[in-house]
Amino acid sequence: MDAFMYNTVIHGYFDLDHPHNSFTTFIGMRRNSSNLQPDNFSFAFTLKAATNLQSYNTGIQLHSQAILYGLHNHLCGNVIQLASIVLSVHLE
């Protein structure tokens, strides 16, 4: 399977309101495909799943991995959205 197919599955699980499955697919992509690199879409879709779950720690880990791949510039909006949702939950 190539990155496009993984991204399609990751995004599909998110659209079906199964964000945990998005993470499982992303992890499978990283573990099972040693020569396959996640791209900016892989990180963006998985970071949206972290936002949906209000999982700040997971979002930070994903953002850190994106930095290692040089893809962090594509995720600024997603990281800000994650931080604002988590902050609003903690302020309630």
N, C-alpha and C. Protein backbone atom coordinates (compact mmCIF):
# COMPACT_ATOMS: atom_id res chain seq x y z
N MET A 1 0.85 -1.17 0.00
CA MET A 1 0.00 0.00 0.00
C MET A 1 0.90 1.24 0.00
N ASP A 2 0.52 2.26 -0.74
CA ASP A 2 1.31 3.48 -0.80
C ASP A 2 0.71 4.54 0.15
N ALA A 3 1.38 5.70 0.25
CA ALA A 3 0.95 6.75 1.17
C ALA A 3 -0.46 7.24 0.85
N PHE A 4 -0.79 7.35 -0.42
CA PHE A 4 -2.12 7.80 -0.80
C PHE A 4 -3.20 6.88 -0.24
N MET A 5 -2.99 5.58 -0.35
CA MET A 5 -3.97 4.61 0.16
C MET A 5 -4.07 4.68 1.68
N TYR A 6 -2.93 4.75 2.36
CA TYR A 6 -2.97 4.90 3.82
C TYR A 6 -3.71 6.18 4.21
N ASN A 7 -3.41 7.27 3.54
CA ASN A 7 -4.07 8.54 3.86
C ASN A 7 -5.58 8.46 3.63
N THR A 8 -5.99 7.76 2.58
CA THR A 8 -7.41 7.59 2.30
C THR A 8 -8.09 6.83 3.43
N VAL A 9 -7.45 5.78 3.91
CA VAL A 9 -8.02 4.99 5.01
C VAL A 9 -8.04 5.81 6.30
N ILE A 10 -6.94 6.51 6.60
CA ILE A 10 -6.87 7.34 7.81
C ILE A 10 -7.98 8.39 7.79
N HIS A 11 -8.13 9.08 6.67
CA HIS A 11 -9.16 10.11 6.55
C HIS A 11 -10.56 9.50 6.58
N GLY A 12 -10.73 8.34 5.97
CA GLY A 12 -12.03 7.66 5.98
C GLY A 12 -12.48 7.31 7.38
N TYR A 13 -11.57 6.79 8.19
CA TYR A 13 -11.92 6.48 9.58
C TYR A 13 -12.31 7.75 10.33
N PHE A 14 -11.60 8.83 10.08
CA PHE A 14 -11.95 10.10 10.73
C PHE A 14 -13.34 10.55 10.31
N ASP A 15 -13.64 10.48 9.02
CA ASP A 15 -14.95 10.88 8.52
C ASP A 15 -16.08 10.01 9.09
N LEU A 16 -15.77 8.74 9.37
CA LEU A 16 -16.76 7.83 9.94
C LEU A 16 -16.84 7.92 11.46
N ASP A 17 -16.14 8.91 12.02
CA ASP A 17 -16.11 9.13 13.47
C ASP A 17 -15.48 7.96 14.22
N HIS A 18 -14.38 7.45 13.66
CA HIS A 18 -13.58 6.40 14.30
C HIS A 18 -12.13 6.86 14.40
N PRO A 19 -11.88 7.94 15.17
CA PRO A 19 -10.52 8.49 15.21
C PRO A 19 -9.48 7.51 15.76
N HIS A 20 -9.90 6.59 16.65
CA HIS A 20 -8.92 5.61 17.16
C HIS A 20 -8.39 4.74 16.01
N ASN A 21 -9.26 4.41 15.07
CA ASN A 21 -8.83 3.61 13.92
C ASN A 21 -7.89 4.41 13.02
N SER A 22 -8.06 5.73 12.99
CA SER A 22 -7.11 6.58 12.25
C SER A 22 -5.71 6.41 12.83
N PHE A 23 -5.61 6.42 14.16
CA PHE A 23 -4.31 6.24 14.81
C PHE A 23 -3.73 4.86 14.53
N THR A 24 -4.57 3.85 14.62
CA THR A 24 -4.11 2.48 14.38
C THR A 24 -3.56 2.35 12.96
N THR A 25 -4.23 2.95 12.01
CA THR A 25 -3.77 2.89 10.62
C THR A 25 -2.47 3.65 10.45
N PHE A 26 -2.36 4.83 11.07
CA PHE A 26 -1.13 5.61 10.99
C PHE A 26 0.04 4.84 11.61
N ILE A 27 -0.20 4.23 12.76
CA ILE A 27 0.86 3.44 13.41
C ILE A 27 1.24 2.25 12.54
N GLY A 28 0.23 1.60 11.93
CA GLY A 28 0.52 0.50 11.02
C GLY A 28 1.35 0.95 9.83
N MET A 29 1.05 2.14 9.34
CA MET A 29 1.83 2.71 8.22
C MET A 29 3.28 2.87 8.63
N ARG A 30 3.51 3.34 9.84
CA ARG A 30 4.88 3.59 10.31
C ARG A 30 5.62 2.28 10.58
N ARG A 31 4.93 1.30 11.10
CA ARG A 31 5.59 0.04 11.50
C ARG A 31 5.76 -0.94 10.34
N ASN A 32 4.75 -1.06 9.51
CA ASN A 32 4.74 -2.11 8.49
C ASN A 32 5.38 -1.72 7.18
N SER A 33 5.64 -0.47 7.01
CA SER A 33 6.18 0.00 5.73
C SER A 33 7.47 0.77 5.98
N SER A 34 8.55 0.03 6.13
CA SER A 34 9.82 0.66 6.50
C SER A 34 10.33 1.66 5.46
N ASN A 35 9.96 1.47 4.21
CA ASN A 35 10.42 2.40 3.18
C ASN A 35 9.37 3.45 2.82
N LEU A 36 8.23 3.43 3.50
CA LEU A 36 7.15 4.38 3.23
C LEU A 36 7.16 5.49 4.27
N GLN A 37 7.30 6.71 3.81
CA GLN A 37 7.34 7.87 4.70
C GLN A 37 5.96 8.52 4.76
N PRO A 38 5.48 8.87 5.96
CA PRO A 38 4.23 9.63 6.02
C PRO A 38 4.45 11.01 5.40
N ASP A 39 3.41 11.56 4.81
CA ASP A 39 3.53 12.88 4.21
C ASP A 39 2.69 13.88 4.99
N ASN A 40 2.59 15.10 4.48
CA ASN A 40 1.86 16.14 5.21
C ASN A 40 0.38 15.76 5.39
N PHE A 41 -0.20 15.02 4.45
CA PHE A 41 -1.59 14.60 4.59
C PHE A 41 -1.73 13.55 5.70
N SER A 42 -0.77 12.63 5.78
CA SER A 42 -0.80 11.61 6.84
C SER A 42 -0.86 12.28 8.21
N PHE A 43 0.03 13.25 8.40
CA PHE A 43 0.07 13.93 9.69
C PHE A 43 -1.16 14.80 9.92
N ALA A 44 -1.61 15.49 8.90
CA ALA A 44 -2.77 16.38 9.05
C ALA A 44 -4.02 15.58 9.41
N PHE A 45 -4.27 14.47 8.73
CA PHE A 45 -5.46 13.68 9.01
C PHE A 45 -5.39 13.05 10.40
N THR A 46 -4.22 12.58 10.78
CA THR A 46 -4.07 11.95 12.09
C THR A 46 -4.14 13.00 13.20
N LEU A 47 -3.61 14.18 12.93
CA LEU A 47 -3.70 15.26 13.91
C LEU A 47 -5.15 15.71 14.10
N LYS A 48 -5.94 15.67 13.05
CA LYS A 48 -7.37 15.97 13.18
C LYS A 48 -8.05 14.95 14.09
N ALA A 49 -7.64 13.69 13.97
CA ALA A 49 -8.19 12.65 14.84
C ALA A 49 -7.81 12.92 16.30
N ALA A 50 -6.59 13.36 16.54
CA ALA A 50 -6.17 13.72 17.91
C ALA A 50 -7.00 14.88 18.43
N THR A 51 -7.30 15.84 17.57
CA THR A 51 -8.13 16.97 17.96
C THR A 51 -9.54 16.51 18.30
N ASN A 52 -10.07 15.61 17.49
CA ASN A 52 -11.40 15.07 17.74
C ASN A 52 -11.47 14.37 19.09
N LEU A 53 -10.40 13.69 19.47
CA LEU A 53 -10.34 12.98 20.75
C LEU A 53 -9.88 13.87 21.90
N GLN A 54 -9.54 15.12 21.58
CA GLN A 54 -9.00 16.07 22.55
C GLN A 54 -7.76 15.48 23.23
N SER A 55 -6.94 14.83 22.44
CA SER A 55 -5.73 14.18 22.93
C SER A 55 -4.51 15.06 22.63
N TYR A 56 -4.26 15.98 23.55
CA TYR A 56 -3.18 16.95 23.36
C TYR A 56 -1.81 16.26 23.28
N ASN A 57 -1.56 15.30 24.16
CA ASN A 57 -0.25 14.62 24.17
C ASN A 57 0.01 13.90 22.85
N THR A 58 -1.00 13.24 22.33
CA THR A 58 -0.84 12.56 21.03
C THR A 58 -0.58 13.58 19.94
N GLY A 59 -1.30 14.69 19.98
CA GLY A 59 -1.10 15.74 18.99
C GLY A 59 0.31 16.29 19.02
N ILE A 60 0.84 16.50 20.22
CA ILE A 60 2.21 17.00 20.36
C ILE A 60 3.20 15.97 19.82
N GLN A 61 2.98 14.69 20.08
CA GLN A 61 3.87 13.65 19.55
C GLN A 61 3.83 13.62 18.03
N LEU A 62 2.64 13.75 17.47
CA LEU A 62 2.52 13.78 16.01
C LEU A 62 3.23 15.00 15.42
N HIS A 63 3.06 16.14 16.06
CA HIS A 63 3.71 17.35 15.58
C HIS A 63 5.23 17.21 15.66
N SER A 64 5.72 16.58 16.72
CA SER A 64 7.16 16.35 16.85
C SER A 64 7.69 15.47 15.72
N GLN A 65 6.93 14.43 15.38
CA GLN A 65 7.34 13.57 14.26
C GLN A 65 7.31 14.34 12.95
N ALA A 66 6.31 15.18 12.78
CA ALA A 66 6.22 15.98 11.55
C ALA A 66 7.43 16.91 11.43
N ILE A 67 7.89 17.45 12.55
CA ILE A 67 9.08 18.31 12.54
C ILE A 67 10.29 17.50 12.05
N LEU A 68 10.41 16.27 12.52
CA LEU A 68 11.53 15.41 12.10
C LEU A 68 11.52 15.17 10.58
N TYR A 69 10.33 15.12 10.00
CA TYR A 69 10.19 14.90 8.56
C TYR A 69 10.18 16.21 7.77
N GLY A 70 10.27 17.35 8.48
CA GLY A 70 10.27 18.64 7.81
C GLY A 70 8.90 19.06 7.29
N LEU A 71 7.84 18.53 7.88
CA LEU A 71 6.49 18.80 7.40
C LEU A 71 5.67 19.68 8.34
N HIS A 72 6.29 20.23 9.36
CA HIS A 72 5.56 20.98 10.38
C HIS A 72 4.90 22.26 9.84
N ASN A 73 5.44 22.85 8.80
CA ASN A 73 4.85 24.09 8.26
C ASN A 73 3.45 23.86 7.72
N HIS A 74 3.14 22.62 7.34
CA HIS A 74 1.83 22.30 6.78
C HIS A 74 0.79 22.07 7.87
N LEU A 75 1.21 22.03 9.14
CA LEU A 75 0.30 21.63 10.21
C LEU A 75 -0.02 22.72 11.22
N CYS A 76 0.43 23.92 11.00
CA CYS A 76 0.25 24.99 11.99
C CYS A 76 -1.21 25.18 12.37
N GLY A 77 -2.09 25.20 11.40
CA GLY A 77 -3.52 25.38 11.69
C GLY A 77 -4.08 24.25 12.53
N ASN A 78 -3.66 23.01 12.24
CA ASN A 78 -4.13 21.87 13.00
C ASN A 78 -3.66 21.91 14.45
N VAL A 79 -2.42 22.31 14.66
CA VAL A 79 -1.87 22.39 16.01
C VAL A 79 -2.57 23.48 16.81
N ILE A 80 -2.83 24.60 16.19
CA ILE A 80 -3.54 25.70 16.87
C ILE A 80 -4.96 25.25 17.23
N GLN A 81 -5.63 24.55 16.33
CA GLN A 81 -6.98 24.08 16.60
C GLN A 81 -6.97 23.08 17.77
N LEU A 82 -6.01 22.17 17.79
CA LEU A 82 -5.90 21.21 18.88
C LEU A 82 -5.70 21.92 20.20
N ALA A 83 -4.77 22.87 20.23
CA ALA A 83 -4.47 23.59 21.47
C ALA A 83 -5.69 24.38 21.94
N SER A 84 -6.42 25.00 21.06
CA SER A 84 -7.58 25.81 21.47
C SER A 84 -8.70 24.93 22.02
N ILE A 85 -8.91 23.76 21.42
CA ILE A 85 -9.95 22.86 21.92
C ILE A 85 -9.59 22.32 23.30
N VAL A 86 -8.34 21.89 23.45
CA VAL A 86 -7.91 21.36 24.75
C VAL A 86 -7.97 22.45 25.80
N LEU A 87 -7.55 23.65 25.47
CA LEU A 87 -7.59 24.75 26.42
C LEU A 87 -9.02 25.08 26.82
N SER A 88 -9.94 25.11 25.87
CA SER A 88 -11.34 25.42 26.20
C SER A 88 -11.95 24.37 27.10
N VAL A 89 -11.58 23.10 26.92
CA VAL A 89 -12.09 22.02 27.77
C VAL A 89 -11.57 22.20 29.19
N HIS A 90 -10.30 22.56 29.34
CA HIS A 90 -9.72 22.73 30.67
C HIS A 90 -10.25 23.96 31.38
N LEU A 91 -10.71 24.95 30.65
CA LEU A 91 -11.22 26.18 31.27
C LEU A 91 -12.67 26.06 31.70
N GLU A 92 -13.36 25.03 31.22
CA GLU A 92 -14.79 24.86 31.58
C GLU A 92 -14.94 24.36 32.98
